[in-house]
Amino acid sequence: MTFPIISADIEPELDWRDLIVAFEQGHRLPRAEIADSFLYRGDDTILSRAAWIDGLGSLVKTATIFPGNPSRGLPSVNGGVSLYSDNDGTLQALVDFHLVTKWKTAGDSLLSARLLARPESRHITLVGAGAVARSMHSAYRAIFPDAEFTIWSRSHASAAALAADLSGAVATENLEQAVAQADIICTATMSTTPVIRGDWLQPGQHLDLIGAYRPDMREVDDTALQRAALFVDSRDTTLDHIGELKDPLARGVISRDDILADYYDIPDGSFKRPSEDTITICKNGGGAHLDLMTSRYILSKWHSWMSAQ
């Protein structure tokens, strides 16, 4: 039996708008079964994420996280993605790990921005200057083509370097001002303490929170959560696992009822901005079910690409 090994060469065939349509379609199928497992050796980690969606198939995405790799000239995170048939469980494709992660992560928050941000949004602040911020610039421009970007990072040199490399982007050292002037704020940091203060937020803003993925991580403070209408991509992958919500839930700062919707509520129309002046926050948990939807989309584009050769 043969199966495709899909590399990043397929990327020019991919489209952000098409991907978020695939996400919406995927969330009209039965709710995904998901599971994560971890193995440790000192500072090194193997994380395996599995998902199964009836009608879409199954996936196992394994990440190897070796913090010492940069000293060897290697990426600290590597891995592989295996996509399996829904009909008989056979392996259908091996898909480039970094390609899936990039498109899943940015597409996840792009979908929330399309549904929650005001359509006339033109000013976007990116908090963080790494690979995810770069991907979000590309993704947001698919929906907001005339947007201007302001980039802030703890390292101003990193923010300036990224801004110089992107169209319509400038770097700033004044985070409070960049937040106050934005229509959309996107956080993609590794912070364990809030970098965004709720007192800085303005009516009608939308925040996409990406960076926090561990129980000890936070990107916005309690005031921000209390002032905003709260959404998540998936209740199953965010509420009990990520510090952004797990910590304030445990302390009674917010309640589970404050989470208005996740992507499985898109079909009934409840994943939407409550009013023009509402501040909206969506927490990106990036579960394996989204990796599965992304990989299925990539495989479909690969088949079309190969047919055209």
C-alpha atoms as a PDB file:
ATOM      1  CA  MET A   1       0.000   0.000   0.000  1.00  0.00           C
ATOM      2  CA  THR A   2       1.252   3.467  -0.882  1.00  0.00           C
ATOM      3  CA  PHE A   3       0.311   6.793   0.666  1.00  0.00           C
ATOM      4  CA  PRO A   4       1.440  10.376   0.036  1.00  0.00           C
ATOM      5  CA  ILE A   5       4.115  12.077   2.084  1.00  0.00           C
ATOM      6  CA  ILE A   6       3.021  15.708   1.924  1.00  0.00           C
ATOM      7  CA  SER A   7       5.698  18.341   2.390  1.00  0.00           C
ATOM      8  CA  ALA A   8       5.585  22.125   2.674  1.00  0.00           C
ATOM      9  CA  ASP A   9       5.840  22.245  -1.137  1.00  0.00           C
ATOM     10  CA  ILE A  10       2.026  22.197  -1.156  1.00  0.00           C
ATOM     11  CA  GLU A  11       1.793  25.501   0.743  1.00  0.00           C
ATOM     12  CA  PRO A  12       1.326  27.787  -2.323  1.00  0.00           C
ATOM     13  CA  GLU A  13      -1.863  25.816  -3.059  1.00  0.00           C
ATOM     14  CA  LEU A  14      -3.374  26.534   0.373  1.00  0.00           C
ATOM     15  CA  ASP A  15      -5.791  29.358   1.125  1.00  0.00           C
ATOM     16  CA  TRP A  16      -6.743  30.774   4.530  1.00  0.00           C
ATOM     17  CA  ARG A  17     -10.372  31.379   3.564  1.00  0.00           C
ATOM     18  CA  ASP A  18     -10.764  27.817   2.307  1.00  0.00           C
ATOM     19  CA  LEU A  19      -9.284  26.474   5.528  1.00  0.00           C
ATOM     20  CA  ILE A  20     -11.743  28.252   7.811  1.00  0.00           C
ATOM     21  CA  VAL A  21     -14.596  26.967   5.637  1.00  0.00           C
ATOM     22  CA  ALA A  22     -13.189  23.477   6.265  1.00  0.00           C
ATOM     23  CA  PHE A  23     -13.175  24.239  10.003  1.00  0.00           C
ATOM     24  CA  GLU A  24     -16.810  25.306   9.916  1.00  0.00           C
ATOM     25  CA  GLN A  25     -17.764  22.159   8.011  1.00  0.00           C
ATOM     26  CA  GLY A  26     -15.782  19.997  10.429  1.00  0.00           C
ATOM     27  CA  HIS A  27     -17.678  21.429  13.382  1.00  0.00           C
ATOM     28  CA  ARG A  28     -20.965  20.369  11.812  1.00  0.00           C
ATOM     29  CA  LEU A  29     -19.865  16.734  12.160  1.00  0.00           C
ATOM     30  CA  PRO A  30     -20.164  14.792  15.437  1.00  0.00           C
ATOM     31  CA  ARG A  31     -18.021  16.176  18.257  1.00  0.00           C
ATOM     32  CA  ALA A  32     -14.461  14.907  18.105  1.00  0.00           C
ATOM     33  CA  GLU A  33     -12.975  12.383  20.481  1.00  0.00           C
ATOM     34  CA  ILE A  34      -9.568  13.676  21.554  1.00  0.00           C
ATOM     35  CA  ALA A  35      -6.745  12.522  23.821  1.00  0.00           C
ATOM     36  CA  ASP A  36      -3.245  13.729  24.650  1.00  0.00           C
ATOM     37  CA  SER A  37      -0.336  11.764  26.113  1.00  0.00           C
ATOM     38  CA  PHE A  38       3.048  12.947  27.402  1.00  0.00           C
ATOM     39  CA  LEU A  39       6.406  11.242  27.901  1.00  0.00           C
ATOM     40  CA  TYR A  40       9.343  12.941  29.608  1.00  0.00           C
ATOM     41  CA  ARG A  41      13.114  12.528  29.802  1.00  0.00           C
ATOM     42  CA  GLY A  42      14.586  15.358  31.796  1.00  0.00           C
ATOM     43  CA  ASP A  43      13.768  18.562  29.912  1.00  0.00           C
ATOM     44  CA  ASP A  44      12.763  16.663  26.763  1.00  0.00           C
ATOM     45  CA  THR A  45       9.128  15.851  25.983  1.00  0.00           C
ATOM     46  CA  ILE A  46       7.175  13.690  23.554  1.00  0.00           C
ATOM     47  CA  LEU A  47       3.582  14.901  23.154  1.00  0.00           C
ATOM     48  CA  SER A  48       1.138  12.798  21.147  1.00  0.00           C
ATOM     49  CA  ARG A  49      -2.276  14.222  20.301  1.00  0.00           C
ATOM     50  CA  ALA A  50      -4.979  12.021  18.816  1.00  0.00           C
ATOM     51  CA  ALA A  51      -8.373  12.894  17.362  1.00  0.00           C
ATOM     52  CA  TRP A  52     -11.196  10.931  15.783  1.00  0.00           C
ATOM     53  CA  ILE A  53     -14.164  12.545  14.052  1.00  0.00           C
ATOM     54  CA  ASP A  54     -16.904  10.296  12.705  1.00  0.00           C
ATOM     55  CA  GLY A  55     -17.093  11.090   9.005  1.00  0.00           C
ATOM     56  CA  LEU A  56     -13.634  12.670   8.781  1.00  0.00           C
ATOM     57  CA  GLY A  57     -11.252   9.984  10.030  1.00  0.00           C
ATOM     58  CA  SER A  58      -8.546  10.023  12.645  1.00  0.00           C
ATOM     59  CA  LEU A  59      -5.133  11.547  13.236  1.00  0.00           C
ATOM     60  CA  VAL A  60      -2.145  11.204  15.512  1.00  0.00           C
ATOM     61  CA  LYS A  61       0.192  14.176  15.724  1.00  0.00           C
ATOM     62  CA  THR A  62       3.405  13.611  17.668  1.00  0.00           C
ATOM     63  CA  ALA A  63       5.645  16.469  18.744  1.00  0.00           C
ATOM     64  CA  THR A  64       9.173  16.029  20.093  1.00  0.00           C
ATOM     65  CA  ILE A  65      10.215  19.000  22.214  1.00  0.00           C
ATOM     66  CA  PHE A  66      13.967  19.188  22.883  1.00  0.00           C
ATOM     67  CA  PRO A  67      14.848  22.589  24.428  1.00  0.00           C
ATOM     68  CA  GLY A  68      18.575  21.986  23.895  1.00  0.00           C
ATOM     69  CA  ASN A  69      18.258  21.662  20.118  1.00  0.00           C
ATOM     70  CA  PRO A  70      18.925  25.321  19.227  1.00  0.00           C
ATOM     71  CA  SER A  71      22.471  24.938  20.581  1.00  0.00           C
ATOM     72  CA  ARG A  72      22.894  22.157  18.001  1.00  0.00           C
ATOM     73  CA  GLY A  73      21.462  24.300  15.214  1.00  0.00           C
ATOM     74  CA  LEU A  74      18.175  22.362  15.230  1.00  0.00           C
ATOM     75  CA  PRO A  75      14.554  23.416  15.892  1.00  0.00           C
ATOM     76  CA  SER A  76      13.419  22.747  19.452  1.00  0.00           C
ATOM     77  CA  VAL A  77      10.086  21.329  18.244  1.00  0.00           C
ATOM     78  CA  ASN A  78       9.804  18.615  15.602  1.00  0.00           C
ATOM     79  CA  GLY A  79       7.349  15.838  14.882  1.00  0.00           C
ATOM     80  CA  GLY A  80       5.086  14.054  12.448  1.00  0.00           C
ATOM     81  CA  VAL A  81       1.413  13.851  11.488  1.00  0.00           C
ATOM     82  CA  SER A  82      -0.291  10.581  10.522  1.00  0.00           C
ATOM     83  CA  LEU A  83      -3.740  10.759   8.905  1.00  0.00           C
ATOM     84  CA  TYR A  84      -5.974   7.654   8.860  1.00  0.00           C
ATOM     85  CA  SER A  85      -9.023   6.609   6.851  1.00  0.00           C
ATOM     86  CA  ASP A  86     -12.431   6.865   8.474  1.00  0.00           C
ATOM     87  CA  ASN A  87     -13.601   3.782   6.584  1.00  0.00           C
ATOM     88  CA  ASP A  88     -10.946   1.200   7.410  1.00  0.00           C
ATOM     89  CA  GLY A  89      -8.311   2.866   9.604  1.00  0.00           C
ATOM     90  CA  THR A  90      -5.538   2.560   7.038  1.00  0.00           C
ATOM     91  CA  LEU A  91      -2.833   5.198   6.817  1.00  0.00           C
ATOM     92  CA  GLN A  92      -3.813   7.758   4.173  1.00  0.00           C
ATOM     93  CA  ALA A  93      -1.016  10.333   4.423  1.00  0.00           C
ATOM     94  CA  LEU A  94       2.004  11.563   6.337  1.00  0.00           C
ATOM     95  CA  VAL A  95       1.810  15.356   6.471  1.00  0.00           C
ATOM     96  CA  ASP A  96       4.570  17.820   7.311  1.00  0.00           C
ATOM     97  CA  PHE A  97       4.354  18.584  11.029  1.00  0.00           C
ATOM     98  CA  HIS A  98       5.328  22.252  10.810  1.00  0.00           C
ATOM     99  CA  LEU A  99       2.947  22.882   7.903  1.00  0.00           C
ATOM    100  CA  VAL A 100      -0.034  21.455   9.800  1.00  0.00           C
ATOM    101  CA  THR A 101       0.866  23.314  12.980  1.00  0.00           C
ATOM    102  CA  LYS A 102       1.247  26.655  11.192  1.00  0.00           C
ATOM    103  CA  TRP A 103      -2.025  26.475   9.310  1.00  0.00           C
ATOM    104  CA  LYS A 104      -4.005  24.962  12.191  1.00  0.00           C
ATOM    105  CA  THR A 105      -2.830  27.554  14.719  1.00  0.00           C
ATOM    106  CA  ALA A 106      -3.346  30.639  12.572  1.00  0.00           C
ATOM    107  CA  GLY A 107      -6.518  29.353  10.924  1.00  0.00           C
ATOM    108  CA  ASP A 108      -8.019  28.644  14.345  1.00  0.00           C
ATOM    109  CA  SER A 109      -7.761  32.282  15.412  1.00  0.00           C
ATOM    110  CA  LEU A 110      -8.635  33.589  11.953  1.00  0.00           C
ATOM    111  CA  LEU A 111     -11.993  31.840  12.222  1.00  0.00           C
ATOM    112  CA  SER A 112     -12.715  33.515  15.559  1.00  0.00           C
ATOM    113  CA  ALA A 113     -11.764  36.918  14.132  1.00  0.00           C
ATOM    114  CA  ARG A 114     -14.059  36.425  11.142  1.00  0.00           C
ATOM    115  CA  LEU A 115     -16.958  35.598  13.442  1.00  0.00           C
ATOM    116  CA  LEU A 116     -16.277  38.011  16.315  1.00  0.00           C
ATOM    117  CA  ALA A 117     -14.221  41.002  15.125  1.00  0.00           C
ATOM    118  CA  ARG A 118     -16.023  43.947  13.568  1.00  0.00           C
ATOM    119  CA  PRO A 119     -15.926  43.594   9.753  1.00  0.00           C
ATOM    120  CA  GLU A 120     -14.510  47.105   9.388  1.00  0.00           C
ATOM    121  CA  SER A 121     -11.480  46.299  11.568  1.00  0.00           C
ATOM    122  CA  ARG A 122      -8.337  47.908  10.146  1.00  0.00           C
ATOM    123  CA  HIS A 123      -5.825  48.165  12.995  1.00  0.00           C
ATOM    124  CA  ILE A 124      -4.308  44.931  14.289  1.00  0.00           C
ATOM    125  CA  THR A 125      -1.772  44.644  17.112  1.00  0.00           C
ATOM    126  CA  LEU A 126       0.386  41.534  17.246  1.00  0.00           C
ATOM    127  CA  VAL A 127       1.838  40.839  20.696  1.00  0.00           C
ATOM    128  CA  GLY A 128       4.880  38.643  20.141  1.00  0.00           C
ATOM    129  CA  ALA A 129       7.263  38.543  17.194  1.00  0.00           C
ATOM    130  CA  GLY A 130       7.796  34.847  16.525  1.00  0.00           C
ATOM    131  CA  ALA A 131       6.638  32.418  13.860  1.00  0.00           C
ATOM    132  CA  VAL A 132       3.004  32.516  15.010  1.00  0.00           C
ATOM    133  CA  ALA A 133       2.859  36.312  14.706  1.00  0.00           C
ATOM    134  CA  ARG A 134       4.234  36.032  11.178  1.00  0.00           C
ATOM    135  CA  SER A 135       1.558  33.465  10.299  1.00  0.00           C
ATOM    136  CA  MET A 136      -1.190  35.614  11.805  1.00  0.00           C
ATOM    137  CA  HIS A 137      -0.130  38.555   9.638  1.00  0.00           C
ATOM    138  CA  SER A 138      -0.648  36.369   6.560  1.00  0.00           C
ATOM    139  CA  ALA A 139      -3.919  34.925   7.859  1.00  0.00           C
ATOM    140  CA  TYR A 140      -5.522  38.209   8.935  1.00  0.00           C
ATOM    141  CA  ARG A 141      -4.743  39.800   5.579  1.00  0.00           C
ATOM    142  CA  ALA A 142      -6.964  37.184   3.921  1.00  0.00           C
ATOM    143  CA  ILE A 143      -9.975  38.637   5.766  1.00  0.00           C
ATOM    144  CA  PHE A 144      -8.795  42.193   6.399  1.00  0.00           C
ATOM    145  CA  PRO A 145      -6.676  42.985   3.304  1.00  0.00           C
ATOM    146  CA  ASP A 146      -6.338  46.698   4.137  1.00  0.00           C
ATOM    147  CA  ALA A 147      -5.280  46.153   7.747  1.00  0.00           C
ATOM    148  CA  GLU A 148      -2.280  47.929   9.259  1.00  0.00           C
ATOM    149  CA  PHE A 149      -0.237  46.013  11.823  1.00  0.00           C
ATOM    150  CA  THR A 150       1.586  47.122  14.948  1.00  0.00           C
ATOM    151  CA  ILE A 151       4.015  44.618  16.474  1.00  0.00           C
ATOM    152  CA  TRP A 152       5.202  44.578  20.080  1.00  0.00           C
ATOM    153  CA  SER A 153       7.633  42.154  21.695  1.00  0.00           C
ATOM    154  CA  ARG A 154       9.622  42.127  24.905  1.00  0.00           C
ATOM    155  CA  SER A 155      12.588  42.306  22.536  1.00  0.00           C
ATOM    156  CA  HIS A 156      12.007  45.456  20.499  1.00  0.00           C
ATOM    157  CA  ALA A 157      14.742  44.342  18.111  1.00  0.00           C
ATOM    158  CA  SER A 158      12.703  41.217  17.297  1.00  0.00           C
ATOM    159  CA  ALA A 159       9.555  43.291  16.746  1.00  0.00           C
ATOM    160  CA  ALA A 160      11.442  45.709  14.496  1.00  0.00           C
ATOM    161  CA  ALA A 161      12.968  42.873  12.474  1.00  0.00           C
ATOM    162  CA  LEU A 162       9.582  41.244  11.915  1.00  0.00           C
ATOM    163  CA  ALA A 163       7.912  44.543  11.023  1.00  0.00           C
ATOM    164  CA  ALA A 164      10.615  45.268   8.467  1.00  0.00           C
ATOM    165  CA  ASP A 165       9.873  41.913   6.838  1.00  0.00           C
ATOM    166  CA  LEU A 166       6.081  42.317   6.634  1.00  0.00           C
ATOM    167  CA  SER A 167       3.880  44.536   4.532  1.00  0.00           C
ATOM    168  CA  GLY A 168       1.957  47.274   6.328  1.00  0.00           C
ATOM    169  CA  ALA A 169       3.626  46.660   9.687  1.00  0.00           C
ATOM    170  CA  VAL A 170       5.455  48.852  12.215  1.00  0.00           C
ATOM    171  CA  ALA A 171       7.086  48.018  15.536  1.00  0.00           C
ATOM    172  CA  THR A 172       6.375  49.797  18.803  1.00  0.00           C
ATOM    173  CA  GLU A 173       7.751  49.885  22.325  1.00  0.00           C
ATOM    174  CA  ASN A 174       4.477  51.221  23.784  1.00  0.00           C
ATOM    175  CA  LEU A 175       2.234  48.187  24.291  1.00  0.00           C
ATOM    176  CA  GLU A 176      -0.524  50.060  26.138  1.00  0.00           C
ATOM    177  CA  GLN A 177      -0.934  52.512  23.263  1.00  0.00           C
ATOM    178  CA  ALA A 178      -0.799  49.744  20.650  1.00  0.00           C
ATOM    179  CA  VAL A 179      -3.555  47.871  22.477  1.00  0.00           C
ATOM    180  CA  ALA A 180      -5.746  50.937  22.975  1.00  0.00           C
ATOM    181  CA  GLN A 181      -5.600  51.845  19.277  1.00  0.00           C
ATOM    182  CA  ALA A 182      -6.289  48.354  17.906  1.00  0.00           C
ATOM    183  CA  ASP A 183      -9.454  46.820  16.508  1.00  0.00           C
ATOM    184  CA  ILE A 184      -7.968  43.329  16.864  1.00  0.00           C
ATOM    185  CA  ILE A 185      -5.291  42.263  19.352  1.00  0.00           C
ATOM    186  CA  CYS A 186      -3.529  38.934  18.909  1.00  0.00           C
ATOM    187  CA  THR A 187      -1.264  37.536  21.633  1.00  0.00           C
ATOM    188  CA  ALA A 188       1.309  34.888  20.728  1.00  0.00           C
ATOM    189  CA  THR A 189       3.789  34.847  23.605  1.00  0.00           C
ATOM    190  CA  MET A 190       5.287  32.357  26.041  1.00  0.00           C
ATOM    191  CA  SER A 191       4.349  34.501  29.025  1.00  0.00           C
ATOM    192  CA  THR A 192       3.461  33.049  32.419  1.00  0.00           C
ATOM    193  CA  THR A 193       2.173  36.428  33.644  1.00  0.00           C
ATOM    194  CA  PRO A 194      -0.393  38.668  31.895  1.00  0.00           C
ATOM    195  CA  VAL A 195       0.995  41.086  29.326  1.00  0.00           C
ATOM    196  CA  ILE A 196      -2.392  42.656  28.461  1.00  0.00           C
ATOM    197  CA  ARG A 197      -4.272  44.663  31.089  1.00  0.00           C
ATOM    198  CA  GLY A 198      -8.032  44.838  30.941  1.00  0.00           C
ATOM    199  CA  ASP A 199      -7.956  48.540  31.792  1.00  0.00           C
ATOM    200  CA  TRP A 200      -6.307  49.180  28.395  1.00  0.00           C
ATOM    201  CA  LEU A 201      -9.157  47.655  26.393  1.00  0.00           C
ATOM    202  CA  GLN A 202     -11.676  49.694  24.412  1.00  0.00           C
ATOM    203  CA  PRO A 203     -15.314  48.969  23.450  1.00  0.00           C
ATOM    204  CA  GLY A 204     -15.689  46.868  20.315  1.00  0.00           C
ATOM    205  CA  GLN A 205     -12.236  45.300  20.354  1.00  0.00           C
ATOM    206  CA  HIS A 206     -11.579  41.633  19.656  1.00  0.00           C
ATOM    207  CA  LEU A 207      -8.727  39.621  21.207  1.00  0.00           C
ATOM    208  CA  ASP A 208      -7.326  36.353  19.873  1.00  0.00           C
ATOM    209  CA  LEU A 209      -5.321  34.636  22.617  1.00  0.00           C
ATOM    210  CA  ILE A 210      -2.929  32.028  21.222  1.00  0.00           C
ATOM    211  CA  GLY A 211       0.218  31.754  23.316  1.00  0.00           C
ATOM    212  CA  ALA A 212      -0.769  30.227  26.654  1.00  0.00           C
ATOM    213  CA  TYR A 213      -0.935  26.435  26.403  1.00  0.00           C
ATOM    214  CA  ARG A 214       0.190  25.254  29.863  1.00  0.00           C
ATOM    215  CA  PRO A 215      -1.552  25.553  33.252  1.00  0.00           C
ATOM    216  CA  ASP A 216       1.048  28.121  34.378  1.00  0.00           C
ATOM    217  CA  MET A 217       0.619  30.477  31.414  1.00  0.00           C
ATOM    218  CA  ARG A 218      -1.418  33.701  31.172  1.00  0.00           C
ATOM    219  CA  GLU A 219      -1.501  36.467  28.555  1.00  0.00           C
ATOM    220  CA  VAL A 220      -4.374  38.680  29.807  1.00  0.00           C
ATOM    221  CA  ASP A 221      -5.297  39.683  33.342  1.00  0.00           C
ATOM    222  CA  ASP A 222      -8.471  38.986  35.301  1.00  0.00           C
ATOM    223  CA  THR A 223      -9.924  42.401  34.465  1.00  0.00           C
ATOM    224  CA  ALA A 224      -9.728  41.664  30.744  1.00  0.00           C
ATOM    225  CA  LEU A 225     -11.642  38.414  31.219  1.00  0.00           C
ATOM    226  CA  GLN A 226     -14.277  40.118  33.359  1.00  0.00           C
ATOM    227  CA  ARG A 227     -14.799  42.949  30.863  1.00  0.00           C
ATOM    228  CA  ALA A 228     -15.122  40.713  27.804  1.00  0.00           C
ATOM    229  CA  ALA A 229     -17.573  38.290  26.255  1.00  0.00           C
ATOM    230  CA  LEU A 230     -15.635  35.009  26.374  1.00  0.00           C
ATOM    231  CA  PHE A 231     -15.377  32.376  23.639  1.00  0.00           C
ATOM    232  CA  VAL A 232     -13.118  29.356  23.074  1.00  0.00           C
ATOM    233  CA  ASP A 233     -12.348  27.160  20.102  1.00  0.00           C
ATOM    234  CA  SER A 234     -13.168  24.099  22.234  1.00  0.00           C
ATOM    235  CA  ARG A 235     -14.341  23.815  25.814  1.00  0.00           C
ATOM    236  CA  ASP A 236     -12.716  20.365  25.967  1.00  0.00           C
ATOM    237  CA  THR A 237      -9.184  21.654  25.288  1.00  0.00           C
ATOM    238  CA  THR A 238      -9.183  24.987  27.133  1.00  0.00           C
ATOM    239  CA  LEU A 239     -11.193  25.222  30.338  1.00  0.00           C
ATOM    240  CA  ASP A 240      -9.443  22.560  32.421  1.00  0.00           C
ATOM    241  CA  HIS A 241      -6.007  22.603  30.823  1.00  0.00           C
ATOM    242  CA  ILE A 242      -4.797  26.138  30.077  1.00  0.00           C
ATOM    243  CA  GLY A 243      -3.941  28.680  32.746  1.00  0.00           C
ATOM    244  CA  GLU A 244      -5.633  31.507  30.853  1.00  0.00           C
ATOM    245  CA  LEU A 245      -8.991  30.092  31.905  1.00  0.00           C
ATOM    246  CA  LYS A 246      -8.229  27.280  34.365  1.00  0.00           C
ATOM    247  CA  ASP A 247      -6.678  29.638  36.928  1.00  0.00           C
ATOM    248  CA  PRO A 248      -9.430  32.312  36.969  1.00  0.00           C
ATOM    249  CA  LEU A 249     -12.100  29.602  36.927  1.00  0.00           C
ATOM    250  CA  ALA A 250     -10.533  27.967  39.995  1.00  0.00           C
ATOM    251  CA  ARG A 251     -10.460  31.308  41.828  1.00  0.00           C
ATOM    252  CA  GLY A 252     -14.033  32.230  40.917  1.00  0.00           C
ATOM    253  CA  VAL A 253     -12.986  35.225  38.822  1.00  0.00           C
ATOM    254  CA  ILE A 254     -15.134  33.836  36.002  1.00  0.00           C
ATOM    255  CA  SER A 255     -17.513  30.881  35.782  1.00  0.00           C
ATOM    256  CA  ARG A 256     -18.065  28.238  33.143  1.00  0.00           C
ATOM    257  CA  ASP A 257     -21.322  29.964  32.252  1.00  0.00           C
ATOM    258  CA  ASP A 258     -19.273  32.994  31.186  1.00  0.00           C
ATOM    259  CA  ILE A 259     -17.944  30.983  28.232  1.00  0.00           C
ATOM    260  CA  LEU A 260     -20.616  31.875  25.692  1.00  0.00           C
ATOM    261  CA  ALA A 261     -19.755  29.418  22.910  1.00  0.00           C
ATOM    262  CA  ASP A 262     -17.164  27.246  21.221  1.00  0.00           C
ATOM    263  CA  TYR A 263     -16.872  26.296  17.548  1.00  0.00           C
ATOM    264  CA  TYR A 264     -19.383  23.479  17.926  1.00  0.00           C
ATOM    265  CA  ASP A 265     -21.952  26.220  18.572  1.00  0.00           C
ATOM    266  CA  ILE A 266     -21.354  27.818  15.147  1.00  0.00           C
ATOM    267  CA  PRO A 267     -24.235  25.905  13.494  1.00  0.00           C
ATOM    268  CA  ASP A 268     -26.852  27.332  15.881  1.00  0.00           C
ATOM    269  CA  GLY A 269     -25.543  30.890  15.422  1.00  0.00           C
ATOM    270  CA  SER A 270     -24.474  31.526  19.010  1.00  0.00           C
ATOM    271  CA  PHE A 271     -20.773  32.016  18.203  1.00  0.00           C
ATOM    272  CA  LYS A 272     -21.166  35.710  17.379  1.00  0.00           C
ATOM    273  CA  ARG A 273     -20.424  39.201  18.693  1.00  0.00           C
ATOM    274  CA  PRO A 274     -23.159  40.135  21.220  1.00  0.00           C
ATOM    275  CA  SER A 275     -23.128  43.835  20.292  1.00  0.00           C
ATOM    276  CA  GLU A 276     -21.124  46.448  18.419  1.00  0.00           C
ATOM    277  CA  ASP A 277     -19.476  47.743  21.602  1.00  0.00           C
ATOM    278  CA  THR A 278     -18.781  44.385  23.272  1.00  0.00           C
ATOM    279  CA  ILE A 279     -15.160  43.440  23.920  1.00  0.00           C
ATOM    280  CA  THR A 280     -14.727  39.856  22.718  1.00  0.00           C
ATOM    281  CA  ILE A 281     -12.013  37.366  23.659  1.00  0.00           C
ATOM    282  CA  CYS A 282     -11.457  33.967  22.063  1.00  0.00           C
ATOM    283  CA  LYS A 283      -8.959  31.529  23.568  1.00  0.00           C
ATOM    284  CA  ASN A 284      -7.193  29.326  21.006  1.00  0.00           C
ATOM    285  CA  GLY A 285      -6.588  25.857  22.456  1.00  0.00           C
ATOM    286  CA  GLY A 286      -5.596  24.255  19.157  1.00  0.00           C
ATOM    287  CA  GLY A 287      -6.719  20.691  19.869  1.00  0.00           C
ATOM    288  CA  ALA A 288      -5.921  17.651  17.755  1.00  0.00           C
ATOM    289  CA  HIS A 289      -9.380  17.772  16.145  1.00  0.00           C
ATOM    290  CA  LEU A 290      -8.264  20.997  14.439  1.00  0.00           C
ATOM    291  CA  ASP A 291      -5.064  19.268  13.304  1.00  0.00           C
ATOM    292  CA  LEU A 292      -7.308  16.594  11.786  1.00  0.00           C
ATOM    293  CA  MET A 293      -9.478  19.146   9.967  1.00  0.00           C
ATOM    294  CA  THR A 294      -6.360  20.964   8.749  1.00  0.00           C
ATOM    295  CA  SER A 295      -4.692  17.766   7.535  1.00  0.00           C
ATOM    296  CA  ARG A 296      -7.840  16.705   5.691  1.00  0.00           C
ATOM    297  CA  TYR A 297      -7.916  20.100   3.983  1.00  0.00           C
ATOM    298  CA  ILE A 298      -4.230  19.824   3.039  1.00  0.00           C
ATOM    299  CA  LEU A 299      -4.736  16.305   1.672  1.00  0.00           C
ATOM    300  CA  SER A 300      -7.641  17.477  -0.482  1.00  0.00           C
ATOM    301  CA  LYS A 301      -5.497  20.284  -1.924  1.00  0.00           C
ATOM    302  CA  TRP A 302      -2.678  17.796  -2.524  1.00  0.00           C
ATOM    303  CA  HIS A 303      -5.001  15.561  -4.550  1.00  0.00           C
ATOM    304  CA  SER A 304      -6.153  18.543  -6.639  1.00  0.00           C
ATOM    305  CA  TRP A 305      -2.557  19.666  -7.136  1.00  0.00           C
ATOM    306  CA  MET A 306      -1.432  16.220  -8.246  1.00  0.00           C
ATOM    307  CA  SER A 307      -4.388  15.862 -10.628  1.00  0.00           C
ATOM    308  CA  ALA A 308      -3.349  19.092 -12.309  1.00  0.00           C
ATOM    309  CA  GLN A 309       0.247  17.953 -12.887  1.00  0.00           C
END
